[in-house]
């Protein structure tokens, strides 16, 4: 049993940030609509092929906050491009079409795109289907999604920010794999959420993602400035290789910060006298 099987470091859509994260060898999170063509056809597929794990968010949460409409045709096309360009689609995690905070809207858009979503599943991609909280029980939403897709080989997405699913409802869910959307750090609520999922699904895989870059922006900024100064001093001493062989200083700053960050997705100290500890120790 593990705390989180894969804690994705999201916020890595830009060229330098993505390269730094890949060089650090961590599970990477990006937003589909922000990826360059090079990232989709070369950088990310090559990382997937050598065993790297990549979580590709649809951007639906950002659209929810801004009130913008989603271009699902474009997003699904980008997912398909990534799947086509890698020999290991099982390392690619993508979020199926949904509508944040809207059960009926989520089921409607999932139904509209069900053939394309099922195709990604059949190709071996790890498809995350968000199960929005609402009037229907979460488990019924899972069953309806399975009926629409004609398979249970998907990951249940559990909302944890706006329109979050309650801890009580998490205890009722039964599935083989879960992905907690938008939260990694082990605050009290997250601890309860993961315990609730583990209690009913002791053998399930549980992943999560959150924007690592936003939470570490000051560290990355200072690291970039320090790396730029170091290179300037080395250049004056003629101790650097040709400029064309040098990545942007931010690449090194992101890589170093990721490698030094031991708290991201780390399991908290065990709680004493808790019956769930018996489950977690099984």
C-alpha atoms as a PDB file:
ATOM      1  CA  UNK A   1       0.000   0.000   0.000  1.00  0.00           C
ATOM      2  CA  UNK A   2       1.209   3.509  -0.782  1.00  0.00           C
ATOM      3  CA  UNK A   3       0.101   7.038   0.054  1.00  0.00           C
ATOM      4  CA  UNK A   4      -0.107   8.339  -3.504  1.00  0.00           C
ATOM      5  CA  UNK A   5       1.031   6.127  -6.341  1.00  0.00           C
ATOM      6  CA  UNK A   6       1.747   9.061  -8.662  1.00  0.00           C
ATOM      7  CA  UNK A   7       1.844  12.677  -7.444  1.00  0.00           C
ATOM      8  CA  UNK A   8       2.006  14.659 -10.699  1.00  0.00           C
ATOM      9  CA  UNK A   9       3.838  18.003 -10.745  1.00  0.00           C
ATOM     10  CA  UNK A  10       1.560  20.152 -12.875  1.00  0.00           C
ATOM     11  CA  UNK A  11       2.098  23.622 -14.311  1.00  0.00           C
ATOM     12  CA  UNK A  12       4.848  22.425 -16.681  1.00  0.00           C
ATOM     13  CA  UNK A  13       3.338  23.400 -20.036  1.00  0.00           C
ATOM     14  CA  UNK A  14       5.967  25.955 -21.079  1.00  0.00           C
ATOM     15  CA  UNK A  15       9.102  24.793 -22.913  1.00  0.00           C
ATOM     16  CA  UNK A  16      11.666  25.461 -20.167  1.00  0.00           C
ATOM     17  CA  UNK A  17       9.509  24.187 -17.323  1.00  0.00           C
ATOM     18  CA  UNK A  18       8.633  21.008 -19.196  1.00  0.00           C
ATOM     19  CA  UNK A  19      12.266  20.326 -20.049  1.00  0.00           C
ATOM     20  CA  UNK A  20      13.363  20.911 -16.451  1.00  0.00           C
ATOM     21  CA  UNK A  21      10.687  18.541 -15.138  1.00  0.00           C
ATOM     22  CA  UNK A  22      11.629  15.863 -17.660  1.00  0.00           C
ATOM     23  CA  UNK A  23      15.294  16.163 -16.754  1.00  0.00           C
ATOM     24  CA  UNK A  24      14.307  15.685 -13.109  1.00  0.00           C
ATOM     25  CA  UNK A  25      12.490  12.496 -14.124  1.00  0.00           C
ATOM     26  CA  UNK A  26       9.287  13.228 -12.188  1.00  0.00           C
ATOM     27  CA  UNK A  27       5.619  12.586 -13.080  1.00  0.00           C
ATOM     28  CA  UNK A  28       4.774  15.693 -15.126  1.00  0.00           C
ATOM     29  CA  UNK A  29       1.498  17.597 -15.474  1.00  0.00           C
ATOM     30  CA  UNK A  30       0.618  19.887 -18.400  1.00  0.00           C
ATOM     31  CA  UNK A  31      -2.472  21.505 -19.950  1.00  0.00           C
ATOM     32  CA  UNK A  32      -3.408  20.218 -23.396  1.00  0.00           C
ATOM     33  CA  UNK A  33      -4.264  23.592 -24.897  1.00  0.00           C
ATOM     34  CA  UNK A  34      -0.961  25.158 -23.863  1.00  0.00           C
ATOM     35  CA  UNK A  35       1.344  22.604 -25.476  1.00  0.00           C
ATOM     36  CA  UNK A  36       3.481  23.473 -28.483  1.00  0.00           C
ATOM     37  CA  UNK A  37       3.598  21.202 -31.517  1.00  0.00           C
ATOM     38  CA  UNK A  38       7.144  20.226 -30.575  1.00  0.00           C
ATOM     39  CA  UNK A  39       6.017  19.193 -27.093  1.00  0.00           C
ATOM     40  CA  UNK A  40       3.223  17.040 -28.514  1.00  0.00           C
ATOM     41  CA  UNK A  41       5.133  15.253 -31.266  1.00  0.00           C
ATOM     42  CA  UNK A  42       8.642  15.037 -29.800  1.00  0.00           C
ATOM     43  CA  UNK A  43       9.321  16.062 -26.212  1.00  0.00           C
ATOM     44  CA  UNK A  44       6.450  14.380 -24.366  1.00  0.00           C
ATOM     45  CA  UNK A  45       6.303  11.212 -26.541  1.00  0.00           C
ATOM     46  CA  UNK A  46      10.042  10.638 -26.041  1.00  0.00           C
ATOM     47  CA  UNK A  47       9.615  10.996 -22.281  1.00  0.00           C
ATOM     48  CA  UNK A  48       6.708   8.542 -22.333  1.00  0.00           C
ATOM     49  CA  UNK A  49       8.761   6.089 -24.381  1.00  0.00           C
ATOM     50  CA  UNK A  50      11.501   5.961 -21.784  1.00  0.00           C
ATOM     51  CA  UNK A  51       9.090   5.370 -18.923  1.00  0.00           C
ATOM     52  CA  UNK A  52       8.101   8.892 -17.886  1.00  0.00           C
ATOM     53  CA  UNK A  53       4.540   9.526 -16.720  1.00  0.00           C
ATOM     54  CA  UNK A  54       2.648  12.544 -18.068  1.00  0.00           C
ATOM     55  CA  UNK A  55      -0.723  13.886 -16.931  1.00  0.00           C
ATOM     56  CA  UNK A  56      -2.482  16.039 -19.543  1.00  0.00           C
ATOM     57  CA  UNK A  57      -5.277  18.190 -18.161  1.00  0.00           C
ATOM     58  CA  UNK A  58      -8.078  19.298 -20.454  1.00  0.00           C
ATOM     59  CA  UNK A  59      -8.191  22.837 -19.056  1.00  0.00           C
ATOM     60  CA  UNK A  60     -11.847  22.462 -18.068  1.00  0.00           C
ATOM     61  CA  UNK A  61     -11.226  23.827 -14.564  1.00  0.00           C
ATOM     62  CA  UNK A  62      -9.650  26.982 -15.977  1.00  0.00           C
ATOM     63  CA  UNK A  63     -12.607  27.367 -18.345  1.00  0.00           C
ATOM     64  CA  UNK A  64     -14.945  26.943 -15.385  1.00  0.00           C
ATOM     65  CA  UNK A  65     -13.227  29.795 -13.540  1.00  0.00           C
ATOM     66  CA  UNK A  66     -13.137  32.110 -16.567  1.00  0.00           C
ATOM     67  CA  UNK A  67     -16.547  31.217 -17.981  1.00  0.00           C
ATOM     68  CA  UNK A  68     -15.070  30.268 -21.367  1.00  0.00           C
ATOM     69  CA  UNK A  69     -16.350  27.440 -23.543  1.00  0.00           C
ATOM     70  CA  UNK A  70     -14.222  24.348 -24.115  1.00  0.00           C
ATOM     71  CA  UNK A  71     -13.114  23.367 -27.624  1.00  0.00           C
ATOM     72  CA  UNK A  72     -13.344  19.621 -27.061  1.00  0.00           C
ATOM     73  CA  UNK A  73     -12.580  18.835 -30.695  1.00  0.00           C
ATOM     74  CA  UNK A  74      -9.184  20.490 -30.339  1.00  0.00           C
ATOM     75  CA  UNK A  75      -8.464  18.927 -26.938  1.00  0.00           C
ATOM     76  CA  UNK A  76      -9.364  15.410 -28.067  1.00  0.00           C
ATOM     77  CA  UNK A  77      -7.255  15.907 -31.200  1.00  0.00           C
ATOM     78  CA  UNK A  78      -4.276  16.817 -29.032  1.00  0.00           C
ATOM     79  CA  UNK A  79      -4.794  13.753 -26.852  1.00  0.00           C
ATOM     80  CA  UNK A  80      -4.882  11.595 -29.967  1.00  0.00           C
ATOM     81  CA  UNK A  81      -1.694  13.155 -31.320  1.00  0.00           C
ATOM     82  CA  UNK A  82       0.141  12.354 -28.098  1.00  0.00           C
ATOM     83  CA  UNK A  83      -1.199   8.793 -28.123  1.00  0.00           C
ATOM     84  CA  UNK A  84      -0.184   8.322 -31.764  1.00  0.00           C
ATOM     85  CA  UNK A  85       3.361   9.592 -31.232  1.00  0.00           C
ATOM     86  CA  UNK A  86       4.355   7.291 -28.358  1.00  0.00           C
ATOM     87  CA  UNK A  87       5.038   3.566 -28.221  1.00  0.00           C
ATOM     88  CA  UNK A  88       3.927   3.553 -24.575  1.00  0.00           C
ATOM     89  CA  UNK A  89       0.462   5.137 -24.334  1.00  0.00           C
ATOM     90  CA  UNK A  90       0.018   3.438 -20.947  1.00  0.00           C
ATOM     91  CA  UNK A  91       2.254   6.169 -19.513  1.00  0.00           C
ATOM     92  CA  UNK A  92      -0.077   8.909 -20.791  1.00  0.00           C
ATOM     93  CA  UNK A  93      -2.869  10.137 -18.465  1.00  0.00           C
ATOM     94  CA  UNK A  94      -5.576  12.322 -20.013  1.00  0.00           C
ATOM     95  CA  UNK A  95      -8.752  13.873 -18.583  1.00  0.00           C
ATOM     96  CA  UNK A  96     -11.976  13.041 -20.395  1.00  0.00           C
ATOM     97  CA  UNK A  97     -14.431  15.811 -21.342  1.00  0.00           C
ATOM     98  CA  UNK A  98     -16.436  17.079 -18.378  1.00  0.00           C
ATOM     99  CA  UNK A  99     -18.140  20.170 -17.000  1.00  0.00           C
ATOM    100  CA  UNK A 100     -16.920  21.223 -13.576  1.00  0.00           C
ATOM    101  CA  UNK A 101     -19.606  21.199 -10.891  1.00  0.00           C
ATOM    102  CA  UNK A 102     -22.305  19.978 -13.295  1.00  0.00           C
ATOM    103  CA  UNK A 103     -23.298  16.299 -13.227  1.00  0.00           C
ATOM    104  CA  UNK A 104     -25.790  16.501 -16.078  1.00  0.00           C
ATOM    105  CA  UNK A 105     -23.442  18.605 -18.195  1.00  0.00           C
ATOM    106  CA  UNK A 106     -20.599  16.189 -17.545  1.00  0.00           C
ATOM    107  CA  UNK A 107     -22.641  13.176 -18.620  1.00  0.00           C
ATOM    108  CA  UNK A 108     -23.840  15.015 -21.725  1.00  0.00           C
ATOM    109  CA  UNK A 109     -20.363  15.956 -22.909  1.00  0.00           C
ATOM    110  CA  UNK A 110     -18.986  12.519 -22.017  1.00  0.00           C
ATOM    111  CA  UNK A 111     -21.744  10.904 -24.068  1.00  0.00           C
ATOM    112  CA  UNK A 112     -20.994  13.189 -27.015  1.00  0.00           C
ATOM    113  CA  UNK A 113     -17.333  12.205 -26.983  1.00  0.00           C
ATOM    114  CA  UNK A 114     -17.706   8.612 -25.768  1.00  0.00           C
ATOM    115  CA  UNK A 115     -16.432   6.969 -29.004  1.00  0.00           C
ATOM    116  CA  UNK A 116     -13.251   9.089 -28.976  1.00  0.00           C
ATOM    117  CA  UNK A 117     -12.739   8.524 -25.242  1.00  0.00           C
ATOM    118  CA  UNK A 118     -13.232   4.770 -25.668  1.00  0.00           C
ATOM    119  CA  UNK A 119     -10.724   4.778 -28.544  1.00  0.00           C
ATOM    120  CA  UNK A 120      -8.088   6.275 -26.243  1.00  0.00           C
ATOM    121  CA  UNK A 121      -8.864   3.612 -23.632  1.00  0.00           C
ATOM    122  CA  UNK A 122      -8.551   0.878 -26.255  1.00  0.00           C
ATOM    123  CA  UNK A 123      -5.194   2.275 -27.374  1.00  0.00           C
ATOM    124  CA  UNK A 124      -3.917   1.846 -23.829  1.00  0.00           C
ATOM    125  CA  UNK A 125      -4.086   5.428 -22.536  1.00  0.00           C
ATOM    126  CA  UNK A 126      -4.949   6.058 -18.905  1.00  0.00           C
ATOM    127  CA  UNK A 127      -8.201   8.009 -19.238  1.00  0.00           C
ATOM    128  CA  UNK A 128      -9.428   9.922 -16.182  1.00  0.00           C
ATOM    129  CA  UNK A 129     -13.196  10.378 -16.105  1.00  0.00           C
ATOM    130  CA  UNK A 130     -14.190  13.148 -13.643  1.00  0.00           C
ATOM    131  CA  UNK A 131     -17.146  12.187 -11.457  1.00  0.00           C
ATOM    132  CA  UNK A 132     -18.791  15.452 -10.481  1.00  0.00           C
ATOM    133  CA  UNK A 133     -20.644  15.756  -7.187  1.00  0.00           C
ATOM    134  CA  UNK A 134     -24.348  16.552  -7.310  1.00  0.00           C
ATOM    135  CA  UNK A 135     -27.798  15.114  -6.773  1.00  0.00           C
ATOM    136  CA  UNK A 136     -26.812  11.647  -8.002  1.00  0.00           C
ATOM    137  CA  UNK A 137     -24.521   9.494  -5.817  1.00  0.00           C
ATOM    138  CA  UNK A 138     -20.935   9.310  -7.022  1.00  0.00           C
ATOM    139  CA  UNK A 139     -21.068   5.551  -7.459  1.00  0.00           C
ATOM    140  CA  UNK A 140     -24.072   5.892  -9.755  1.00  0.00           C
ATOM    141  CA  UNK A 141     -22.092   8.382 -11.828  1.00  0.00           C
ATOM    142  CA  UNK A 142     -19.302   5.802 -12.126  1.00  0.00           C
ATOM    143  CA  UNK A 143     -21.763   3.156 -13.295  1.00  0.00           C
ATOM    144  CA  UNK A 144     -23.314   5.525 -15.850  1.00  0.00           C
ATOM    145  CA  UNK A 145     -19.879   6.454 -17.191  1.00  0.00           C
ATOM    146  CA  UNK A 146     -18.993   2.766 -17.500  1.00  0.00           C
ATOM    147  CA  UNK A 147     -22.226   2.144 -19.392  1.00  0.00           C
ATOM    148  CA  UNK A 148     -21.578   5.037 -21.771  1.00  0.00           C
ATOM    149  CA  UNK A 149     -18.008   3.944 -22.484  1.00  0.00           C
ATOM    150  CA  UNK A 150     -18.745   0.225 -22.523  1.00  0.00           C
ATOM    151  CA  UNK A 151     -15.801  -0.425 -20.212  1.00  0.00           C
ATOM    152  CA  UNK A 152     -14.629   0.000 -16.624  1.00  0.00           C
ATOM    153  CA  UNK A 153     -11.010   0.451 -17.714  1.00  0.00           C
ATOM    154  CA  UNK A 154     -10.866   4.107 -16.769  1.00  0.00           C
ATOM    155  CA  UNK A 155      -9.660   6.086 -13.772  1.00  0.00           C
ATOM    156  CA  UNK A 156     -12.257   7.844 -11.646  1.00  0.00           C
ATOM    157  CA  UNK A 157     -11.454  11.547 -11.304  1.00  0.00           C
ATOM    158  CA  UNK A 158     -12.316  12.934  -7.864  1.00  0.00           C
ATOM    159  CA  UNK A 159     -12.775  16.754  -7.743  1.00  0.00           C
ATOM    160  CA  UNK A 160     -11.021  18.349  -4.760  1.00  0.00           C
ATOM    161  CA  UNK A 161     -11.112  22.133  -5.315  1.00  0.00           C
ATOM    162  CA  UNK A 162     -14.236  24.042  -6.380  1.00  0.00           C
ATOM    163  CA  UNK A 163     -17.257  21.719  -6.458  1.00  0.00           C
ATOM    164  CA  UNK A 164     -15.232  19.153  -4.509  1.00  0.00           C
ATOM    165  CA  UNK A 165     -16.633  15.733  -3.676  1.00  0.00           C
ATOM    166  CA  UNK A 166     -17.226  15.320   0.055  1.00  0.00           C
ATOM    167  CA  UNK A 167     -15.164  12.954   2.183  1.00  0.00           C
ATOM    168  CA  UNK A 168     -18.350  11.075   3.084  1.00  0.00           C
ATOM    169  CA  UNK A 169     -19.125  10.435  -0.580  1.00  0.00           C
ATOM    170  CA  UNK A 170     -15.540   9.344  -1.252  1.00  0.00           C
ATOM    171  CA  UNK A 171     -16.112   6.550   1.268  1.00  0.00           C
ATOM    172  CA  UNK A 172     -18.925   5.162  -0.896  1.00  0.00           C
ATOM    173  CA  UNK A 173     -16.920   4.902  -4.142  1.00  0.00           C
ATOM    174  CA  UNK A 174     -15.759   1.531  -5.456  1.00  0.00           C
ATOM    175  CA  UNK A 175     -13.389   1.314  -8.411  1.00  0.00           C
ATOM    176  CA  UNK A 176      -9.956   0.024  -9.423  1.00  0.00           C
ATOM    177  CA  UNK A 177      -8.207   3.408  -9.769  1.00  0.00           C
ATOM    178  CA  UNK A 178      -8.720   7.019  -8.705  1.00  0.00           C
ATOM    179  CA  UNK A 179      -7.157  10.369  -9.518  1.00  0.00           C
ATOM    180  CA  UNK A 180      -7.653  13.288  -7.125  1.00  0.00           C
ATOM    181  CA  UNK A 181      -7.965  16.337  -9.331  1.00  0.00           C
ATOM    182  CA  UNK A 182      -6.189  19.501  -8.249  1.00  0.00           C
ATOM    183  CA  UNK A 183      -4.692  18.570  -4.884  1.00  0.00           C
ATOM    184  CA  UNK A 184      -1.544  16.748  -3.786  1.00  0.00           C
ATOM    185  CA  UNK A 185      -0.233  18.259  -0.573  1.00  0.00           C
ATOM    186  CA  UNK A 186      -1.184  16.330   2.570  1.00  0.00           C
ATOM    187  CA  UNK A 187      -3.365  18.842   4.398  1.00  0.00           C
ATOM    188  CA  UNK A 188      -5.990  17.506   6.776  1.00  0.00           C
ATOM    189  CA  UNK A 189      -8.735  17.342   4.144  1.00  0.00           C
ATOM    190  CA  UNK A 190      -6.514  15.538   1.650  1.00  0.00           C
ATOM    191  CA  UNK A 191      -5.445  13.020   4.279  1.00  0.00           C
ATOM    192  CA  UNK A 192      -9.093  12.234   5.039  1.00  0.00           C
ATOM    193  CA  UNK A 193      -9.937  11.988   1.337  1.00  0.00           C
ATOM    194  CA  UNK A 194      -7.189   9.468   0.601  1.00  0.00           C
ATOM    195  CA  UNK A 195      -7.988   7.429   3.726  1.00  0.00           C
ATOM    196  CA  UNK A 196     -11.652   7.373   2.674  1.00  0.00           C
ATOM    197  CA  UNK A 197     -10.767   6.055  -0.787  1.00  0.00           C
ATOM    198  CA  UNK A 198      -8.280   3.520   0.592  1.00  0.00           C
ATOM    199  CA  UNK A 199     -10.770   2.230   3.149  1.00  0.00           C
ATOM    200  CA  UNK A 200     -13.209   1.032   0.512  1.00  0.00           C
ATOM    201  CA  UNK A 201     -10.609   0.270  -2.166  1.00  0.00           C
ATOM    202  CA  UNK A 202      -7.502  -1.138  -0.442  1.00  0.00           C
ATOM    203  CA  UNK A 203      -5.972  -2.374  -3.712  1.00  0.00           C
ATOM    204  CA  UNK A 204      -6.802   0.651  -5.867  1.00  0.00           C
ATOM    205  CA  UNK A 205      -4.214   2.907  -7.478  1.00  0.00           C
ATOM    206  CA  UNK A 206      -4.608   6.497  -6.280  1.00  0.00           C
ATOM    207  CA  UNK A 207      -2.909   9.348  -8.119  1.00  0.00           C
ATOM    208  CA  UNK A 208      -3.202  13.114  -7.786  1.00  0.00           C
ATOM    209  CA  UNK A 209      -2.084  16.313  -9.473  1.00  0.00           C
ATOM    210  CA  UNK A 210      -1.634  19.918  -8.445  1.00  0.00           C
ATOM    211  CA  UNK A 211       0.206  22.950  -9.767  1.00  0.00           C
ATOM    212  CA  UNK A 212       3.706  22.450  -8.374  1.00  0.00           C
ATOM    213  CA  UNK A 213       5.121  25.398 -10.288  1.00  0.00           C
ATOM    214  CA  UNK A 214       2.653  27.902  -8.832  1.00  0.00           C
ATOM    215  CA  UNK A 215       3.432  26.721  -5.306  1.00  0.00           C
ATOM    216  CA  UNK A 216       7.210  26.908  -5.878  1.00  0.00           C
ATOM    217  CA  UNK A 217       7.364  30.029  -8.047  1.00  0.00           C
ATOM    218  CA  UNK A 218       9.576  32.006  -5.678  1.00  0.00           C
ATOM    219  CA  UNK A 219      12.049  29.107  -5.415  1.00  0.00           C
ATOM    220  CA  UNK A 220      12.206  28.754  -9.201  1.00  0.00           C
ATOM    221  CA  UNK A 221      12.612  32.509  -9.695  1.00  0.00           C
ATOM    222  CA  UNK A 222      15.512  32.718  -7.255  1.00  0.00           C
ATOM    223  CA  UNK A 223      17.075  29.592  -8.733  1.00  0.00           C
ATOM    224  CA  UNK A 224      16.856  31.040 -12.232  1.00  0.00           C
ATOM    225  CA  UNK A 225      18.549  34.274 -11.137  1.00  0.00           C
ATOM    226  CA  UNK A 226      21.299  32.332  -9.358  1.00  0.00           C
ATOM    227  CA  UNK A 227      21.878  30.113 -12.388  1.00  0.00           C
ATOM    228  CA  UNK A 228      22.025  33.134 -14.702  1.00  0.00           C
ATOM    229  CA  UNK A 229      24.642  34.801 -12.463  1.00  0.00           C
ATOM    230  CA  UNK A 230      26.644  31.577 -12.282  1.00  0.00           C
ATOM    231  CA  UNK A 231      26.704  31.287 -16.058  1.00  0.00           C
ATOM    232  CA  UNK A 232      27.683  34.906 -16.490  1.00  0.00           C
ATOM    233  CA  UNK A 233      30.643  34.431 -14.175  1.00  0.00           C
ATOM    234  CA  UNK A 234      31.628  31.195 -15.931  1.00  0.00           C
ATOM    235  CA  UNK A 235      31.354  32.840 -19.342  1.00  0.00           C
ATOM    236  CA  UNK A 236      33.730  35.570 -18.260  1.00  0.00           C
ATOM    237  CA  UNK A 237      36.155  32.854 -17.196  1.00  0.00           C
ATOM    238  CA  UNK A 238      35.577  31.056 -20.519  1.00  0.00           C
ATOM    239  CA  UNK A 239      34.450  27.953 -18.640  1.00  0.00           C
ATOM    240  CA  UNK A 240      31.237  27.349 -20.567  1.00  0.00           C
ATOM    241  CA  UNK A 241      30.553  25.315 -23.735  1.00  0.00           C
ATOM    242  CA  UNK A 242      29.120  27.103 -26.799  1.00  0.00           C
ATOM    243  CA  UNK A 243      25.921  29.016 -26.072  1.00  0.00           C
ATOM    244  CA  UNK A 244      23.851  26.804 -28.385  1.00  0.00           C
ATOM    245  CA  UNK A 245      24.499  23.823 -26.099  1.00  0.00           C
ATOM    246  CA  UNK A 246      23.156  25.538 -23.005  1.00  0.00           C
ATOM    247  CA  UNK A 247      19.551  25.296 -21.856  1.00  0.00           C
ATOM    248  CA  UNK A 248      17.751  28.341 -20.497  1.00  0.00           C
ATOM    249  CA  UNK A 249      18.719  28.967 -16.840  1.00  0.00           C
ATOM    250  CA  UNK A 250      15.138  28.256 -15.818  1.00  0.00           C
ATOM    251  CA  UNK A 251      15.462  24.654 -17.020  1.00  0.00           C
ATOM    252  CA  UNK A 252      18.223  24.039 -14.483  1.00  0.00           C
ATOM    253  CA  UNK A 253      16.345  25.948 -11.772  1.00  0.00           C
ATOM    254  CA  UNK A 254      13.209  23.820 -12.252  1.00  0.00           C
ATOM    255  CA  UNK A 255      15.212  20.602 -12.383  1.00  0.00           C
ATOM    256  CA  UNK A 256      17.118  21.387  -9.198  1.00  0.00           C
ATOM    257  CA  UNK A 257      14.032  22.556  -7.317  1.00  0.00           C
ATOM    258  CA  UNK A 258      12.140  19.385  -8.250  1.00  0.00           C
ATOM    259  CA  UNK A 259      14.995  17.125  -7.202  1.00  0.00           C
ATOM    260  CA  UNK A 260      15.268  18.904  -3.853  1.00  0.00           C
ATOM    261  CA  UNK A 261      11.515  18.922  -3.179  1.00  0.00           C
ATOM    262  CA  UNK A 262      10.899  15.929  -0.908  1.00  0.00           C
ATOM    263  CA  UNK A 263       7.553  17.129   0.490  1.00  0.00           C
ATOM    264  CA  UNK A 264       5.471  17.004  -2.704  1.00  0.00           C
ATOM    265  CA  UNK A 265       2.952  14.227  -2.304  1.00  0.00           C
ATOM    266  CA  UNK A 266       4.806  12.833   0.706  1.00  0.00           C
ATOM    267  CA  UNK A 267       2.940  10.599   3.129  1.00  0.00           C
ATOM    268  CA  UNK A 268       2.340  12.217   6.561  1.00  0.00           C
ATOM    269  CA  UNK A 269       3.260  10.504   9.805  1.00  0.00           C
ATOM    270  CA  UNK A 270       0.881   7.612  10.650  1.00  0.00           C
ATOM    271  CA  UNK A 271      -2.070   8.488  12.832  1.00  0.00           C
ATOM    272  CA  UNK A 272      -2.255   6.521  16.083  1.00  0.00           C
ATOM    273  CA  UNK A 273      -5.320   4.586  17.261  1.00  0.00           C
ATOM    274  CA  UNK A 274      -6.990   4.833  13.882  1.00  0.00           C
ATOM    275  CA  UNK A 275      -8.775   1.793  12.507  1.00  0.00           C
ATOM    276  CA  UNK A 276      -7.800   2.858   9.014  1.00  0.00           C
ATOM    277  CA  UNK A 277      -4.156   2.237   9.883  1.00  0.00           C
ATOM    278  CA  UNK A 278      -5.036  -1.461   9.881  1.00  0.00           C
ATOM    279  CA  UNK A 279      -6.302  -1.091   6.320  1.00  0.00           C
ATOM    280  CA  UNK A 280      -3.265   0.912   5.204  1.00  0.00           C
ATOM    281  CA  UNK A 281      -0.906  -1.652   6.730  1.00  0.00           C
ATOM    282  CA  UNK A 282      -2.589  -4.604   4.969  1.00  0.00           C
END
